[in-house]
């Protein structure tokens, strides 16, 4: 029996949608690598995704979501460590398939951790004002994919 979907508070639903797009990025990287697509093509898309979406996503979480539990909470420490590690990996100037594989694996694990553990706990302990602050600062922009080079098709 499949686990039931997580009921996400409305303040966190947009962030969870962004996580979905991050998981799609992981799928695209896996697909590109399995099809032996030129690494430069995959890296170009990854760089676009990181610059366009992931940097802002990390900033929102670090500024408005993680402080609900505090910097010393072990799950927040893990999430911040993941963010730093992913930023270093994405910032690699070379198109190395090993690094792309690491990004795909680590980003997916990070998103699953946030969705299944960290965000569940945050929405249990957050007060109304904290949730309203997240809603106020989260830009609910429609995801506009970069389809200039759909290497994953």
Protein backbone atom coordinates (compact mmCIF):
# COMPACT_ATOMS: atom_id res chain seq x y z
CA UNK A 1 0.00 0.00 0.00
CA UNK A 2 1.45 3.35 -1.03
CA UNK A 3 1.92 5.98 1.66
CA UNK A 4 -0.73 8.68 1.64
CA UNK A 5 0.34 12.08 0.31
CA UNK A 6 1.63 14.58 2.84
CA UNK A 7 -0.90 17.28 3.68
CA UNK A 8 1.14 20.43 3.39
CA UNK A 9 0.11 23.72 5.02
CA UNK A 10 -0.76 26.35 2.41
CA UNK A 11 2.24 28.47 3.47
CA UNK A 12 4.56 25.64 2.44
CA UNK A 13 2.74 24.37 -0.64
CA UNK A 14 4.62 26.63 -3.06
CA UNK A 15 7.95 25.57 -1.60
CA UNK A 16 6.89 21.94 -1.97
CA UNK A 17 6.01 22.62 -5.62
CA UNK A 18 9.53 23.97 -6.06
CA UNK A 19 10.81 20.72 -4.56
CA UNK A 20 8.83 18.87 -7.22
CA UNK A 21 10.66 20.85 -9.90
CA UNK A 22 13.95 19.99 -8.19
CA UNK A 23 13.05 16.30 -8.38
CA UNK A 24 12.29 16.79 -12.08
CA UNK A 25 15.76 18.29 -12.47
CA UNK A 26 17.19 15.12 -10.91
CA UNK A 27 15.19 13.01 -13.37
CA UNK A 28 16.44 15.13 -16.28
CA UNK A 29 20.05 14.73 -15.16
CA UNK A 30 19.61 10.94 -14.78
CA UNK A 31 17.93 10.72 -18.17
CA UNK A 32 20.61 12.82 -19.87
CA UNK A 33 23.41 10.77 -18.33
CA UNK A 34 21.75 7.48 -19.25
CA UNK A 35 21.33 8.67 -22.85
CA UNK A 36 25.00 9.74 -22.90
CA UNK A 37 24.04 13.33 -23.72
CA UNK A 38 27.05 15.65 -23.96
CA UNK A 39 27.83 16.78 -20.41
CA UNK A 40 28.02 20.44 -21.47
CA UNK A 41 24.36 20.36 -22.51
CA UNK A 42 23.28 18.96 -19.15
CA UNK A 43 25.53 21.42 -17.29
CA UNK A 44 24.03 24.36 -19.18
CA UNK A 45 20.54 23.34 -18.04
CA UNK A 46 21.70 22.65 -14.48
CA UNK A 47 23.36 26.08 -14.27
CA UNK A 48 20.19 27.75 -15.58
CA UNK A 49 18.04 25.89 -13.02
CA UNK A 50 20.40 26.70 -10.15
CA UNK A 51 20.65 30.41 -11.02
CA UNK A 52 16.97 30.86 -11.87
CA UNK A 53 15.29 28.81 -9.15
CA UNK A 54 17.48 27.03 -6.65
CA UNK A 55 19.40 30.03 -5.28
CA UNK A 56 16.16 31.85 -4.47
CA UNK A 57 14.66 28.67 -3.03
CA UNK A 58 17.61 28.14 -0.67
CA UNK A 59 17.48 31.79 0.40
CA UNK A 60 13.76 31.58 1.21
CA UNK A 61 14.23 28.45 3.29
CA UNK A 62 17.25 29.82 5.15
CA UNK A 63 15.69 33.23 5.83
CA UNK A 64 12.07 32.42 6.64
CA UNK A 65 11.55 28.67 7.14
CA UNK A 66 14.54 27.23 8.99
CA UNK A 67 14.55 29.95 11.70
CA UNK A 68 11.23 28.52 12.92
CA UNK A 69 13.24 25.66 14.44
CA UNK A 70 16.46 27.60 15.00
CA UNK A 71 20.02 27.21 13.72
CA UNK A 72 20.91 24.66 16.36
CA UNK A 73 18.19 22.17 15.49
CA UNK A 74 19.93 19.07 14.05
CA UNK A 75 17.64 18.91 11.01
CA UNK A 76 18.24 22.58 10.23
CA UNK A 77 21.98 22.01 10.56
CA UNK A 78 21.70 19.10 8.12
CA UNK A 79 19.66 21.15 5.65
CA UNK A 80 22.15 24.04 5.80
CA UNK A 81 25.05 21.64 5.28
CA UNK A 82 23.20 20.15 2.30
CA UNK A 83 22.65 23.64 0.84
CA UNK A 84 26.36 24.49 1.16
CA UNK A 85 27.40 21.17 -0.39
CA UNK A 86 24.92 21.50 -3.27
CA UNK A 87 26.02 25.08 -3.91
CA UNK A 88 29.65 23.95 -4.15
CA UNK A 89 28.70 21.12 -6.52
CA UNK A 90 26.56 23.34 -8.75
CA UNK A 91 29.33 25.96 -8.79
CA UNK A 92 31.84 23.53 -10.29
CA UNK A 93 33.07 25.13 -13.52
CA UNK A 94 33.56 21.83 -15.34
CA UNK A 95 31.04 19.52 -16.98
CA UNK A 96 32.03 16.38 -15.07
CA UNK A 97 29.52 13.51 -15.20
CA UNK A 98 30.62 12.35 -11.74
CA UNK A 99 29.70 15.74 -10.28
CA UNK A 100 26.40 15.69 -12.17
CA UNK A 101 25.66 12.27 -10.70
CA UNK A 102 26.50 13.57 -7.22
CA UNK A 103 24.21 16.56 -7.68
CA UNK A 104 21.37 14.34 -8.86
CA UNK A 105 21.74 11.96 -5.91
CA UNK A 106 22.34 14.58 -3.23
CA UNK A 107 19.62 16.97 -4.41
CA UNK A 108 17.04 14.18 -4.50
CA UNK A 109 18.02 12.95 -1.02
CA UNK A 110 17.94 16.53 0.29
CA UNK A 111 14.48 17.24 -1.13
CA UNK A 112 13.08 13.99 0.23
CA UNK A 113 14.54 14.78 3.67
CA UNK A 114 13.00 18.26 3.69
CA UNK A 115 9.61 17.02 2.49
CA UNK A 116 9.33 13.92 4.68
CA UNK A 117 10.94 15.15 7.88
CA UNK A 118 11.93 18.79 8.16
CA UNK A 119 8.83 20.44 6.66
CA UNK A 120 6.48 18.08 8.47
CA UNK A 121 8.05 19.10 11.77
CA UNK A 122 8.12 22.79 10.87
CA UNK A 123 4.44 22.88 9.98
CA UNK A 124 3.63 21.17 13.32
CA UNK A 125 5.50 23.72 15.44
CA UNK A 126 5.15 26.95 13.42
CA UNK A 127 2.74 29.54 14.72
CA UNK A 128 0.30 31.49 12.58
CA UNK A 129 2.55 34.56 12.31
CA UNK A 130 5.51 32.47 11.13
CA UNK A 131 3.41 30.76 8.47
CA UNK A 132 2.02 34.12 7.32
CA UNK A 133 5.58 35.44 7.02
CA UNK A 134 6.50 32.55 4.73
CA UNK A 135 3.42 33.19 2.57
CA UNK A 136 4.19 36.91 2.44
CA UNK A 137 7.80 36.42 1.27
CA UNK A 138 7.38 33.47 -1.05
CA UNK A 139 6.98 34.48 -4.67
CA UNK A 140 4.42 32.11 -6.12
CA UNK A 141 5.79 32.28 -9.63
CA UNK A 142 4.80 29.83 -12.29
CA UNK A 143 7.65 27.52 -13.23
CA UNK A 144 8.80 28.36 -16.74
CA UNK A 145 11.06 25.59 -17.90
CA UNK A 146 14.05 26.20 -20.13
CA UNK A 147 13.19 24.13 -23.18
CA UNK A 148 15.86 25.57 -25.51
CA UNK A 149 17.66 22.21 -25.43
CA UNK A 150 15.39 19.45 -24.08
CA UNK A 151 18.14 16.82 -23.87
CA UNK A 152 15.95 14.64 -21.65
CA UNK A 153 13.41 13.86 -24.42
